[in-house]
């Protein structure tokens, strides 16, 4: 299911997506929490330029109606984590099919600047 979730995220249009899609083909993963979040280790030496740390997210409903979020974290040009969380903090009862996730690409966060 992990690969299918990552592939679903790659269906969104965002800067760096095509390069990132190549990188995620050779991933090793490790589960890091009770929701099933994954630490990602790329076997590729490639890096990708993305506009922000989380270039793509997705949301779907668990069978109890509460939202489950997926967030792909990219650190130093490499996929680092697929964060999975349920918005109410409870355990996920049944992970939705990857196709049920609605994709979200947030606009870039403005950078802080010094006050003149």
N, C-alpha and C. Protein backbone atom coordinates (compact mmCIF):
# COMPACT_ATOMS: atom_id res chain seq x y z
N UNK A 1 0.83 -1.20 0.00
CA UNK A 1 0.00 0.00 0.00
C UNK A 1 0.87 1.26 0.00
N UNK A 2 2.08 1.19 0.60
CA UNK A 2 2.93 2.39 0.68
C UNK A 2 3.24 2.94 -0.70
N UNK A 3 3.64 2.06 -1.60
CA UNK A 3 3.99 2.50 -2.96
C UNK A 3 2.78 3.13 -3.64
N UNK A 4 1.61 2.54 -3.46
CA UNK A 4 0.40 3.08 -4.09
C UNK A 4 0.07 4.47 -3.55
N UNK A 5 0.27 4.69 -2.25
CA UNK A 5 0.03 6.02 -1.68
C UNK A 5 1.00 7.05 -2.26
N UNK A 6 2.27 6.67 -2.37
CA UNK A 6 3.26 7.58 -2.95
C UNK A 6 2.95 7.87 -4.42
N UNK A 7 2.56 6.85 -5.15
CA UNK A 7 2.21 7.05 -6.55
C UNK A 7 0.99 7.95 -6.70
N UNK A 8 0.04 7.82 -5.78
CA UNK A 8 -1.14 8.70 -5.81
C UNK A 8 -0.71 10.16 -5.63
N UNK A 9 0.22 10.42 -4.71
CA UNK A 9 0.70 11.78 -4.50
C UNK A 9 1.38 12.32 -5.76
N UNK A 10 2.02 11.46 -6.52
CA UNK A 10 2.71 11.89 -7.73
C UNK A 10 1.76 12.24 -8.87
N UNK A 11 0.47 12.00 -8.68
CA UNK A 11 -0.52 12.39 -9.68
C UNK A 11 -0.82 13.88 -9.64
N UNK A 12 -0.45 14.56 -8.57
CA UNK A 12 -0.67 16.01 -8.46
C UNK A 12 0.37 16.75 -9.28
N UNK A 13 0.02 17.94 -9.72
CA UNK A 13 0.95 18.81 -10.45
C UNK A 13 1.62 19.74 -9.45
N UNK A 14 2.95 19.63 -9.33
CA UNK A 14 3.71 20.55 -8.47
C UNK A 14 5.14 20.60 -8.97
N UNK A 15 5.84 21.71 -8.70
CA UNK A 15 7.23 21.82 -9.16
C UNK A 15 8.11 20.71 -8.58
N UNK A 16 8.84 20.04 -9.46
CA UNK A 16 9.73 18.97 -9.04
C UNK A 16 9.10 17.59 -9.06
N UNK A 17 7.83 17.51 -9.40
CA UNK A 17 7.11 16.24 -9.36
C UNK A 17 7.75 15.17 -10.23
N UNK A 18 8.09 15.50 -11.47
CA UNK A 18 8.61 14.48 -12.38
C UNK A 18 9.92 13.88 -11.87
N UNK A 19 10.80 14.74 -11.35
CA UNK A 19 12.07 14.26 -10.81
C UNK A 19 11.84 13.43 -9.54
N UNK A 20 10.91 13.89 -8.72
CA UNK A 20 10.60 13.17 -7.48
C UNK A 20 10.00 11.80 -7.78
N UNK A 21 9.18 11.72 -8.81
CA UNK A 21 8.58 10.44 -9.20
C UNK A 21 9.66 9.42 -9.57
N UNK A 22 10.75 9.89 -10.18
CA UNK A 22 11.86 8.98 -10.50
C UNK A 22 12.57 8.52 -9.24
N UNK A 23 12.75 9.43 -8.30
CA UNK A 23 13.47 9.11 -7.07
C UNK A 23 12.70 8.09 -6.22
N UNK A 24 11.39 8.23 -6.15
CA UNK A 24 10.62 7.34 -5.26
C UNK A 24 10.51 5.92 -5.79
N UNK A 25 10.97 5.69 -7.00
CA UNK A 25 10.94 4.32 -7.53
C UNK A 25 11.87 3.39 -6.77
N UNK A 26 12.92 3.94 -6.17
CA UNK A 26 13.92 3.13 -5.46
C UNK A 26 14.00 3.53 -4.00
N UNK A 27 12.92 3.34 -3.27
CA UNK A 27 12.90 3.72 -1.86
C UNK A 27 12.93 2.50 -0.95
N UNK A 28 13.58 2.68 0.17
CA UNK A 28 13.44 1.76 1.30
C UNK A 28 12.67 2.55 2.34
N UNK A 29 11.77 1.87 3.07
CA UNK A 29 10.93 2.56 4.04
C UNK A 29 11.00 1.87 5.40
N UNK A 30 10.71 2.68 6.43
CA UNK A 30 10.64 2.17 7.80
C UNK A 30 9.47 2.86 8.47
N UNK A 31 8.57 2.09 9.06
CA UNK A 31 7.43 2.66 9.79
C UNK A 31 7.94 3.35 11.05
N UNK A 32 7.45 4.58 11.29
CA UNK A 32 7.96 5.36 12.42
C UNK A 32 6.91 5.76 13.45
N UNK A 33 5.64 5.45 13.21
CA UNK A 33 4.64 5.75 14.23
C UNK A 33 3.42 4.84 14.09
N UNK A 34 2.49 5.01 15.02
CA UNK A 34 1.31 4.13 15.05
C UNK A 34 0.34 4.36 13.90
N UNK A 35 0.45 5.49 13.21
CA UNK A 35 -0.43 5.76 12.06
C UNK A 35 0.10 5.13 10.78
N UNK A 36 1.36 4.71 10.81
CA UNK A 36 1.96 4.12 9.62
C UNK A 36 2.84 5.08 8.84
N UNK A 37 3.17 6.26 9.43
CA UNK A 37 4.09 7.18 8.77
C UNK A 37 5.38 6.46 8.45
N UNK A 38 6.00 6.87 7.34
CA UNK A 38 7.18 6.17 6.86
C UNK A 38 8.39 7.09 6.75
N UNK A 39 9.50 6.63 7.25
CA UNK A 39 10.77 7.28 6.96
C UNK A 39 11.20 6.73 5.61
N UNK A 40 11.61 7.62 4.71
CA UNK A 40 11.95 7.24 3.35
C UNK A 40 13.45 7.35 3.13
N UNK A 41 14.04 6.33 2.55
CA UNK A 41 15.46 6.32 2.20
C UNK A 41 15.58 6.00 0.72
N UNK A 42 16.04 6.98 -0.04
CA UNK A 42 16.18 6.80 -1.48
C UNK A 42 17.48 6.07 -1.80
N UNK A 43 17.40 5.15 -2.75
CA UNK A 43 18.57 4.45 -3.24
C UNK A 43 19.24 5.25 -4.36
N UNK A 44 18.56 6.28 -4.83
CA UNK A 44 19.07 7.11 -5.92
C UNK A 44 19.91 8.26 -5.36
N UNK A 45 20.88 8.68 -6.13
CA UNK A 45 21.71 9.83 -5.76
C UNK A 45 21.08 11.14 -6.22
N UNK A 46 20.00 11.06 -6.96
CA UNK A 46 19.35 12.26 -7.49
C UNK A 46 18.78 13.12 -6.37
N UNK A 47 18.68 14.40 -6.66
CA UNK A 47 17.98 15.33 -5.78
C UNK A 47 17.00 16.11 -6.64
N UNK A 48 16.07 16.76 -5.98
CA UNK A 48 15.03 17.50 -6.69
C UNK A 48 14.82 18.85 -6.01
N UNK A 49 14.51 19.85 -6.81
CA UNK A 49 14.19 21.17 -6.28
C UNK A 49 12.67 21.24 -6.10
N UNK A 50 12.24 21.46 -4.87
CA UNK A 50 10.83 21.70 -4.60
C UNK A 50 10.71 23.07 -3.94
N UNK A 51 9.53 23.64 -4.00
CA UNK A 51 9.33 24.99 -3.47
C UNK A 51 9.25 25.00 -1.95
N UNK A 52 8.71 23.95 -1.37
CA UNK A 52 8.59 23.88 0.08
C UNK A 52 8.76 22.45 0.55
N UNK A 53 8.97 22.31 1.84
CA UNK A 53 9.26 20.99 2.43
C UNK A 53 8.17 19.97 2.13
N UNK A 54 6.92 20.38 2.16
CA UNK A 54 5.80 19.49 1.86
C UNK A 54 5.18 19.98 0.55
N UNK A 55 5.63 19.45 -0.58
CA UNK A 55 5.13 19.95 -1.86
C UNK A 55 3.75 19.42 -2.24
N UNK A 56 3.31 18.32 -1.59
CA UNK A 56 2.02 17.73 -1.92
C UNK A 56 1.45 17.03 -0.68
N UNK A 57 0.13 17.14 -0.55
CA UNK A 57 -0.61 16.49 0.53
C UNK A 57 -1.82 15.78 -0.08
N UNK A 58 -2.47 14.97 0.74
CA UNK A 58 -3.71 14.33 0.31
C UNK A 58 -4.58 14.09 1.53
N UNK A 59 -5.89 14.00 1.30
CA UNK A 59 -6.83 13.78 2.40
C UNK A 59 -7.93 12.84 1.95
N UNK A 60 -8.31 11.94 2.87
CA UNK A 60 -9.45 11.04 2.65
C UNK A 60 -10.08 10.77 4.01
N UNK A 61 -11.26 10.20 4.01
CA UNK A 61 -11.99 9.93 5.25
C UNK A 61 -11.80 8.48 5.67
N UNK A 62 -11.61 8.31 6.98
CA UNK A 62 -11.64 6.98 7.57
C UNK A 62 -13.10 6.54 7.64
N UNK A 63 -13.37 5.30 7.99
CA UNK A 63 -14.75 4.81 8.02
C UNK A 63 -15.58 5.50 9.10
N UNK A 64 -14.92 6.16 10.09
CA UNK A 64 -15.67 6.90 11.11
C UNK A 64 -15.91 8.35 10.70
N UNK A 65 -15.49 8.72 9.48
CA UNK A 65 -15.73 10.06 8.98
C UNK A 65 -14.63 11.07 9.27
N UNK A 66 -13.66 10.71 10.08
CA UNK A 66 -12.57 11.64 10.39
C UNK A 66 -11.50 11.59 9.30
N UNK A 67 -10.90 12.74 9.04
CA UNK A 67 -9.94 12.86 7.95
C UNK A 67 -8.60 12.21 8.27
N UNK A 68 -8.04 11.56 7.26
CA UNK A 68 -6.68 11.04 7.29
C UNK A 68 -5.87 11.88 6.31
N UNK A 69 -4.72 12.37 6.75
CA UNK A 69 -3.87 13.21 5.91
C UNK A 69 -2.58 12.48 5.57
N UNK A 70 -2.14 12.67 4.35
CA UNK A 70 -0.82 12.22 3.89
C UNK A 70 -0.02 13.47 3.55
N UNK A 71 1.22 13.54 3.98
CA UNK A 71 2.09 14.66 3.65
C UNK A 71 3.46 14.12 3.26
N UNK A 72 3.90 14.45 2.07
CA UNK A 72 5.21 14.02 1.61
C UNK A 72 6.23 15.10 1.96
N UNK A 73 7.21 14.74 2.79
CA UNK A 73 8.26 15.68 3.20
C UNK A 73 9.49 15.45 2.34
N UNK A 74 10.04 16.55 1.79
CA UNK A 74 11.26 16.51 1.00
C UNK A 74 12.30 17.37 1.72
N UNK A 75 13.43 16.77 2.08
CA UNK A 75 14.47 17.46 2.83
C UNK A 75 15.77 17.37 2.04
N UNK A 76 16.40 18.52 1.83
CA UNK A 76 17.65 18.58 1.06
C UNK A 76 17.52 17.92 -0.30
N UNK A 77 16.37 18.10 -0.92
CA UNK A 77 16.16 17.58 -2.27
C UNK A 77 15.86 16.11 -2.36
N UNK A 78 15.62 15.47 -1.21
CA UNK A 78 15.37 14.03 -1.20
C UNK A 78 14.09 13.73 -0.41
N UNK A 79 13.31 12.75 -0.89
CA UNK A 79 12.12 12.37 -0.11
C UNK A 79 12.57 11.82 1.24
N UNK A 80 11.99 12.35 2.33
CA UNK A 80 12.43 11.97 3.67
C UNK A 80 11.35 11.28 4.49
N UNK A 81 10.09 11.65 4.28
CA UNK A 81 9.03 11.07 5.10
C UNK A 81 7.69 11.14 4.38
N UNK A 82 6.91 10.09 4.53
CA UNK A 82 5.50 10.12 4.19
C UNK A 82 4.78 10.14 5.52
N UNK A 83 4.33 11.33 5.92
CA UNK A 83 3.65 11.48 7.20
C UNK A 83 2.17 11.13 7.02
N UNK A 84 1.68 10.27 7.88
CA UNK A 84 0.28 9.86 7.86
C UNK A 84 -0.29 10.19 9.23
N UNK A 85 -1.39 10.92 9.24
CA UNK A 85 -2.02 11.24 10.52
C UNK A 85 -3.52 11.32 10.38
N UNK A 86 -4.18 11.02 11.46
CA UNK A 86 -5.63 11.14 11.51
C UNK A 86 -5.93 12.39 12.32
N UNK A 87 -6.74 13.24 11.79
CA UNK A 87 -6.93 14.58 12.31
C UNK A 87 -7.43 14.59 13.76
N UNK A 88 -8.18 13.58 14.19
CA UNK A 88 -8.68 13.55 15.56
C UNK A 88 -7.70 12.88 16.52
N UNK A 89 -6.56 12.38 16.01
CA UNK A 89 -5.55 11.75 16.85
C UNK A 89 -5.83 10.29 17.19
N UNK A 90 -6.99 9.79 16.80
CA UNK A 90 -7.34 8.40 17.07
C UNK A 90 -6.65 7.47 16.06
N UNK A 91 -6.70 6.19 16.34
CA UNK A 91 -6.13 5.20 15.43
C UNK A 91 -6.92 5.16 14.12
N UNK A 92 -6.22 4.86 13.04
CA UNK A 92 -6.87 4.68 11.75
C UNK A 92 -7.60 3.33 11.78
N UNK A 93 -8.88 3.38 11.48
CA UNK A 93 -9.68 2.16 11.51
C UNK A 93 -9.48 1.35 10.22
N UNK A 94 -9.52 2.04 9.08
CA UNK A 94 -9.27 1.38 7.80
C UNK A 94 -8.69 2.41 6.84
N UNK A 95 -7.49 2.14 6.37
CA UNK A 95 -6.86 3.05 5.43
C UNK A 95 -7.65 3.04 4.13
N UNK A 96 -8.07 4.22 3.66
CA UNK A 96 -8.80 4.27 2.39
C UNK A 96 -7.93 3.82 1.22
N UNK A 97 -8.58 3.41 0.17
CA UNK A 97 -7.88 3.09 -1.06
C UNK A 97 -7.15 4.35 -1.52
N UNK A 98 -5.94 4.22 -2.06
CA UNK A 98 -5.20 5.40 -2.52
C UNK A 98 -6.00 6.31 -3.45
N UNK A 99 -6.84 5.73 -4.29
CA UNK A 99 -7.62 6.55 -5.22
C UNK A 99 -8.64 7.43 -4.51
N UNK A 100 -8.97 7.13 -3.25
CA UNK A 100 -9.94 7.93 -2.49
C UNK A 100 -9.33 9.23 -1.96
N UNK A 101 -8.00 9.34 -1.98
CA UNK A 101 -7.36 10.53 -1.43
C UNK A 101 -7.46 11.69 -2.41
N UNK A 102 -7.94 12.83 -1.90
CA UNK A 102 -8.00 14.07 -2.67
C UNK A 102 -6.65 14.75 -2.54
N UNK A 103 -6.05 15.10 -3.68
CA UNK A 103 -4.72 15.70 -3.69
C UNK A 103 -4.79 17.20 -3.43
N UNK A 104 -3.79 17.69 -2.69
CA UNK A 104 -3.73 19.11 -2.34
C UNK A 104 -2.31 19.60 -2.57
N UNK A 105 -2.19 20.67 -3.34
CA UNK A 105 -0.90 21.34 -3.51
C UNK A 105 -1.09 22.75 -2.97
N UNK A 106 -0.42 23.04 -1.85
CA UNK A 106 -0.56 24.34 -1.23
C UNK A 106 0.33 25.36 -1.93
N UNK A 107 -0.10 26.63 -1.95
CA UNK A 107 0.78 27.66 -2.52
C UNK A 107 2.02 27.81 -1.63
N UNK A 108 3.11 28.29 -2.21
CA UNK A 108 4.34 28.46 -1.41
C UNK A 108 4.11 29.40 -0.23
N UNK A 109 4.76 29.08 0.87
CA UNK A 109 4.69 29.92 2.06
C UNK A 109 5.66 31.08 1.85
N UNK A 110 5.19 32.34 2.03
CA UNK A 110 6.10 33.47 1.86
C UNK A 110 7.25 33.41 2.87
N UNK A 111 8.42 33.78 2.42
CA UNK A 111 9.59 33.80 3.31
C UNK A 111 9.55 35.03 4.21
N UNK A 112 10.04 34.87 5.43
CA UNK A 112 10.14 36.00 6.34
C UNK A 112 11.22 36.94 5.84
N UNK A 113 11.02 38.20 6.08
CA UNK A 113 12.03 39.18 5.72
C UNK A 113 12.20 40.17 6.87
N UNK A 114 13.29 40.86 6.88
CA UNK A 114 13.53 41.83 7.95
C UNK A 114 12.69 43.07 7.72
N UNK A 115 12.34 43.71 8.78
CA UNK A 115 11.54 44.94 8.71
C UNK A 115 12.48 46.10 8.41
N UNK A 116 12.09 46.93 7.45
CA UNK A 116 12.92 48.10 7.09
C UNK A 116 12.73 49.23 8.08
